[in-house]
Amino acid sequence: MFLDMKMRFTDGFEVLDWLQLQPHLRSILVIVLTGAAELVEVKRAYKMGAHSFMVKPCHREDILNLIKNFPNHWTLREPSWINRARSSEKRPDR
């Protein structure tokens, strides 16, 4: 999740706070986007569960470094319920 710290109706800290209350969402990678890298905000975001942050505007190198630093978060995985549904399907005889 790319989370902008300054949004129209809320801020990123409120979203981070809400995410902490959602146990089923704790495995989501949270990248904070901020217009200025203020150390106080960055530290607070990390304490609230953010995994990394990027200063806007982001550049190509920033995205590539992000991908390299979190390699396990970019693979597509099917949810377990899909595998269960597939195994219970009846297959036609050929």
C-alpha atoms as a PDB file:
ATOM      1  CA  MET A   1       0.000   0.000   0.000  1.00  0.00           C
ATOM      2  CA  PHE A   2       1.299   3.423  -0.911  1.00  0.00           C
ATOM      3  CA  LEU A   3      -0.043   5.719   1.788  1.00  0.00           C
ATOM      4  CA  ASP A   4       0.025   9.472   1.326  1.00  0.00           C
ATOM      5  CA  MET A   5       0.401  11.261   4.651  1.00  0.00           C
ATOM      6  CA  LYS A   6      -1.623  14.283   3.536  1.00  0.00           C
ATOM      7  CA  MET A   7      -5.065  13.421   2.191  1.00  0.00           C
ATOM      8  CA  ARG A   8      -8.192  15.485   1.822  1.00  0.00           C
ATOM      9  CA  PHE A   9     -10.384  13.959   4.549  1.00  0.00           C
ATOM     10  CA  THR A  10      -7.844  12.153   6.725  1.00  0.00           C
ATOM     11  CA  ASP A  11      -4.129  11.765   7.190  1.00  0.00           C
ATOM     12  CA  GLY A  12      -1.827   8.804   6.904  1.00  0.00           C
ATOM     13  CA  PHE A  13      -1.500   8.449  10.664  1.00  0.00           C
ATOM     14  CA  GLU A  14      -5.217   7.797  11.007  1.00  0.00           C
ATOM     15  CA  VAL A  15      -4.969   5.119   8.328  1.00  0.00           C
ATOM     16  CA  LEU A  16      -1.935   3.534  10.034  1.00  0.00           C
ATOM     17  CA  ASP A  17      -3.851   3.551  13.306  1.00  0.00           C
ATOM     18  CA  TRP A  18      -6.839   1.856  11.647  1.00  0.00           C
ATOM     19  CA  LEU A  19      -4.588  -0.739   9.976  1.00  0.00           C
ATOM     20  CA  GLN A  20      -3.200  -1.740  13.371  1.00  0.00           C
ATOM     21  CA  LEU A  21      -6.734  -2.630  14.450  1.00  0.00           C
ATOM     22  CA  GLN A  22      -7.203  -4.953  11.447  1.00  0.00           C
ATOM     23  CA  PRO A  23      -5.324  -8.197  12.206  1.00  0.00           C
ATOM     24  CA  HIS A  24      -6.084  -9.647   8.763  1.00  0.00           C
ATOM     25  CA  LEU A  25      -4.321  -6.676   7.109  1.00  0.00           C
ATOM     26  CA  ARG A  26      -1.112  -6.677   9.128  1.00  0.00           C
ATOM     27  CA  SER A  27       0.862  -8.426   6.387  1.00  0.00           C
ATOM     28  CA  ILE A  28       0.297  -5.551   3.955  1.00  0.00           C
ATOM     29  CA  LEU A  29       3.463  -3.711   3.030  1.00  0.00           C
ATOM     30  CA  VAL A  30       2.902  -0.016   3.825  1.00  0.00           C
ATOM     31  CA  ILE A  31       5.031   2.586   2.060  1.00  0.00           C
ATOM     32  CA  VAL A  32       4.454   6.120   3.318  1.00  0.00           C
ATOM     33  CA  LEU A  33       4.534   8.949   0.782  1.00  0.00           C
ATOM     34  CA  THR A  34       5.374  12.374   2.099  1.00  0.00           C
ATOM     35  CA  GLY A  35       6.142  15.743   0.590  1.00  0.00           C
ATOM     36  CA  ALA A  36       8.904  16.470   3.076  1.00  0.00           C
ATOM     37  CA  ALA A  37      10.935  13.947   5.004  1.00  0.00           C
ATOM     38  CA  GLU A  38      10.389  15.379   8.472  1.00  0.00           C
ATOM     39  CA  LEU A  39      12.195  13.069  10.872  1.00  0.00           C
ATOM     40  CA  VAL A  40       9.469  13.279  13.546  1.00  0.00           C
ATOM     41  CA  GLU A  41       6.769  12.136  11.082  1.00  0.00           C
ATOM     42  CA  VAL A  42       8.963   9.371   9.668  1.00  0.00           C
ATOM     43  CA  LYS A  43       9.740   7.964  13.132  1.00  0.00           C
ATOM     44  CA  ARG A  44       6.067   8.116  14.102  1.00  0.00           C
ATOM     45  CA  ALA A  45       5.032   6.306  10.910  1.00  0.00           C
ATOM     46  CA  TYR A  46       7.563   3.522  11.540  1.00  0.00           C
ATOM     47  CA  LYS A  47       6.293   3.117  15.117  1.00  0.00           C
ATOM     48  CA  MET A  48       2.766   2.811  13.738  1.00  0.00           C
ATOM     49  CA  GLY A  49       3.648   0.004  11.332  1.00  0.00           C
ATOM     50  CA  ALA A  50       4.974   1.622   8.150  1.00  0.00           C
ATOM     51  CA  HIS A  51       7.679  -0.413   6.448  1.00  0.00           C
ATOM     52  CA  SER A  52       9.349   2.351   4.462  1.00  0.00           C
ATOM     53  CA  PHE A  53       8.802   5.870   3.219  1.00  0.00           C
ATOM     54  CA  MET A  54       9.379   7.813   0.041  1.00  0.00           C
ATOM     55  CA  VAL A  55       9.610  11.539  -0.530  1.00  0.00           C
ATOM     56  CA  LYS A  56       7.426  12.939  -3.314  1.00  0.00           C
ATOM     57  CA  PRO A  57       8.023  13.274  -6.144  1.00  0.00           C
ATOM     58  CA  CYS A  58       9.311   9.703  -6.418  1.00  0.00           C
ATOM     59  CA  HIS A  59      11.889   8.861  -9.028  1.00  0.00           C
ATOM     60  CA  ARG A  60      12.519   5.666 -10.966  1.00  0.00           C
ATOM     61  CA  GLU A  61      15.537   4.799  -8.797  1.00  0.00           C
ATOM     62  CA  ASP A  62      13.408   5.128  -5.651  1.00  0.00           C
ATOM     63  CA  ILE A  63      10.906   2.584  -6.962  1.00  0.00           C
ATOM     64  CA  LEU A  64      13.660   0.178  -8.052  1.00  0.00           C
ATOM     65  CA  ASN A  65      15.286   0.384  -4.612  1.00  0.00           C
ATOM     66  CA  LEU A  66      11.931  -0.270  -2.985  1.00  0.00           C
ATOM     67  CA  ILE A  67      11.437  -3.390  -5.095  1.00  0.00           C
ATOM     68  CA  LYS A  68      14.922  -4.646  -4.213  1.00  0.00           C
ATOM     69  CA  ASN A  69      14.441  -4.034  -0.489  1.00  0.00           C
ATOM     70  CA  PHE A  70      11.132  -5.918  -0.256  1.00  0.00           C
ATOM     71  CA  PRO A  71      11.479  -8.768  -2.791  1.00  0.00           C
ATOM     72  CA  ASN A  72       8.929 -11.079  -1.139  1.00  0.00           C
ATOM     73  CA  HIS A  73       6.089  -8.575  -1.412  1.00  0.00           C
ATOM     74  CA  TRP A  74       5.973  -8.363  -5.193  1.00  0.00           C
ATOM     75  CA  THR A  75       5.062 -11.937  -6.085  1.00  0.00           C
ATOM     76  CA  LEU A  76       1.462 -12.719  -6.828  1.00  0.00           C
ATOM     77  CA  ARG A  77      -0.039 -15.325  -4.545  1.00  0.00           C
ATOM     78  CA  GLU A  78      -3.466 -16.804  -4.840  1.00  0.00           C
ATOM     79  CA  PRO A  79      -5.545 -16.621  -1.686  1.00  0.00           C
ATOM     80  CA  SER A  80      -6.017 -19.983   0.021  1.00  0.00           C
ATOM     81  CA  TRP A  81      -9.764 -19.980  -0.679  1.00  0.00           C
ATOM     82  CA  ILE A  82      -9.043 -20.195  -4.437  1.00  0.00           C
ATOM     83  CA  ASN A  83      -7.025 -23.382  -3.965  1.00  0.00           C
ATOM     84  CA  ARG A  84      -9.799 -24.905  -1.844  1.00  0.00           C
ATOM     85  CA  ALA A  85     -12.394 -24.028  -4.479  1.00  0.00           C
ATOM     86  CA  ARG A  86     -10.300 -25.572  -7.239  1.00  0.00           C
ATOM     87  CA  SER A  87      -9.760 -28.812  -5.357  1.00  0.00           C
ATOM     88  CA  SER A  88     -13.479 -29.192  -4.720  1.00  0.00           C
ATOM     89  CA  GLU A  89     -14.474 -28.624  -8.358  1.00  0.00           C
ATOM     90  CA  LYS A  90     -15.751 -31.644 -10.252  1.00  0.00           C
ATOM     91  CA  ARG A  91     -13.737 -32.299 -13.352  1.00  0.00           C
ATOM     92  CA  PRO A  92     -15.494 -33.629 -16.443  1.00  0.00           C
ATOM     93  CA  ASP A  93     -14.495 -37.072 -17.682  1.00  0.00           C
ATOM     94  CA  ARG A  94     -12.611 -37.074 -20.941  1.00  0.00           C
END
